[in-house]
Amino acid sequence: MFMFPISLGIAATIRVGYNLGSASTEKAEISAYTSIMVGLMV
């Protein structure tokens, strides 16, 4: 029951970290915002 939200959080962390690591702060911000919105919908 809690596995889907945890996996979503892990995927969001990886996605934002990847964008920050490639010095793409705009993409990281969009990824973070999208992840929060998807998380709230679940």
N, C-alpha and C. Protein backbone atom coordinates (compact mmCIF):
# COMPACT_ATOMS: atom_id res chain seq x y z
N MET A 1 0.81 -1.19 0.00
CA MET A 1 0.00 0.00 0.00
C MET A 1 0.86 1.26 0.00
N PHE A 2 1.94 1.24 0.69
CA PHE A 2 2.80 2.41 0.74
C PHE A 2 3.96 2.34 -0.25
N MET A 3 4.06 1.25 -1.00
CA MET A 3 5.18 1.08 -1.92
C MET A 3 5.12 2.05 -3.10
N PHE A 4 3.93 2.32 -3.61
CA PHE A 4 3.84 3.24 -4.74
C PHE A 4 4.30 4.66 -4.38
N PRO A 5 3.85 5.24 -3.28
CA PRO A 5 4.35 6.59 -2.94
C PRO A 5 5.85 6.62 -2.66
N ILE A 6 6.36 5.57 -2.06
CA ILE A 6 7.81 5.53 -1.80
C ILE A 6 8.59 5.45 -3.11
N SER A 7 8.14 4.61 -4.03
CA SER A 7 8.83 4.49 -5.31
C SER A 7 8.73 5.78 -6.11
N LEU A 8 7.61 6.48 -6.00
CA LEU A 8 7.46 7.76 -6.67
C LEU A 8 8.44 8.79 -6.09
N GLY A 9 8.59 8.79 -4.78
CA GLY A 9 9.53 9.71 -4.14
C GLY A 9 10.98 9.42 -4.51
N ILE A 10 11.31 8.15 -4.59
CA ILE A 10 12.67 7.77 -4.98
C ILE A 10 12.95 8.19 -6.42
N ALA A 11 11.98 7.93 -7.31
CA ALA A 11 12.15 8.32 -8.71
C ALA A 11 12.28 9.84 -8.85
N ALA A 12 11.50 10.59 -8.08
CA ALA A 12 11.59 12.05 -8.14
C ALA A 12 12.95 12.54 -7.65
N THR A 13 13.45 11.92 -6.59
CA THR A 13 14.76 12.31 -6.07
C THR A 13 15.85 12.06 -7.09
N ILE A 14 15.79 10.92 -7.75
CA ILE A 14 16.79 10.60 -8.77
C ILE A 14 16.70 11.58 -9.93
N ARG A 15 15.48 11.86 -10.37
CA ARG A 15 15.27 12.77 -11.51
C ARG A 15 15.78 14.18 -11.21
N VAL A 16 15.45 14.70 -10.05
CA VAL A 16 15.89 16.05 -9.68
C VAL A 16 17.41 16.07 -9.49
N GLY A 17 17.94 15.04 -8.84
CA GLY A 17 19.39 14.97 -8.64
C GLY A 17 20.16 14.89 -9.95
N TYR A 18 19.62 14.15 -10.90
CA TYR A 18 20.26 14.04 -12.22
C TYR A 18 20.29 15.41 -12.90
N ASN A 19 19.18 16.13 -12.83
CA ASN A 19 19.13 17.45 -13.47
C ASN A 19 20.03 18.45 -12.77
N LEU A 20 20.12 18.38 -11.45
CA LEU A 20 21.03 19.27 -10.74
C LEU A 20 22.48 18.94 -11.04
N GLY A 21 22.77 17.65 -11.17
CA GLY A 21 24.13 17.23 -11.48
C GLY A 21 24.59 17.67 -12.86
N SER A 22 23.65 17.78 -13.78
CA SER A 22 24.00 18.22 -15.13
C SER A 22 23.87 19.74 -15.28
N ALA A 23 23.78 20.44 -14.16
CA ALA A 23 23.71 21.91 -14.10
C ALA A 23 22.51 22.45 -14.86
N SER A 24 21.41 21.74 -14.79
CA SER A 24 20.18 22.17 -15.44
C SER A 24 19.15 22.49 -14.35
N THR A 25 19.31 23.64 -13.74
CA THR A 25 18.46 23.98 -12.60
C THR A 25 17.00 24.22 -13.00
N GLU A 26 16.78 24.71 -14.21
CA GLU A 26 15.39 24.93 -14.65
C GLU A 26 14.66 23.60 -14.79
N LYS A 27 15.32 22.61 -15.37
CA LYS A 27 14.71 21.29 -15.51
C LYS A 27 14.51 20.64 -14.14
N ALA A 28 15.44 20.86 -13.23
CA ALA A 28 15.31 20.31 -11.88
C ALA A 28 14.11 20.92 -11.17
N GLU A 29 13.91 22.21 -11.36
CA GLU A 29 12.77 22.87 -10.73
C GLU A 29 11.45 22.36 -11.31
N ILE A 30 11.41 22.17 -12.61
CA ILE A 30 10.20 21.64 -13.25
C ILE A 30 9.94 20.21 -12.78
N SER A 31 10.99 19.41 -12.69
CA SER A 31 10.85 18.03 -12.23
C SER A 31 10.36 17.97 -10.79
N ALA A 32 10.88 18.84 -9.95
CA ALA A 32 10.47 18.87 -8.55
C ALA A 32 9.01 19.28 -8.43
N TYR A 33 8.62 20.32 -9.15
CA TYR A 33 7.24 20.79 -9.10
C TYR A 33 6.28 19.71 -9.61
N THR A 34 6.65 19.07 -10.72
CA THR A 34 5.81 18.01 -11.29
C THR A 34 5.68 16.84 -10.32
N SER A 35 6.76 16.48 -9.68
CA SER A 35 6.74 15.37 -8.72
C SER A 35 5.84 15.69 -7.54
N ILE A 36 5.88 16.91 -7.07
CA ILE A 36 5.02 17.30 -5.94
C ILE A 36 3.56 17.23 -6.36
N MET A 37 3.24 17.72 -7.54
CA MET A 37 1.85 17.70 -8.01
C MET A 37 1.34 16.27 -8.20
N VAL A 38 2.18 15.42 -8.79
CA VAL A 38 1.78 14.01 -8.97
C VAL A 38 1.61 13.33 -7.61
N GLY A 39 2.50 13.64 -6.68
CA GLY A 39 2.40 13.07 -5.34
C GLY A 39 1.12 13.49 -4.62
N LEU A 40 0.71 14.71 -4.83
CA LEU A 40 -0.53 15.18 -4.21
C LEU A 40 -1.77 14.54 -4.85
N MET A 41 -1.67 14.20 -6.12
CA MET A 41 -2.80 13.56 -6.79
C MET A 41 -2.96 12.11 -6.37
N VAL A 42 -1.88 11.49 -5.95
CA VAL A 42 -1.95 10.09 -5.53
C VAL A 42 -2.47 10.07 -4.16
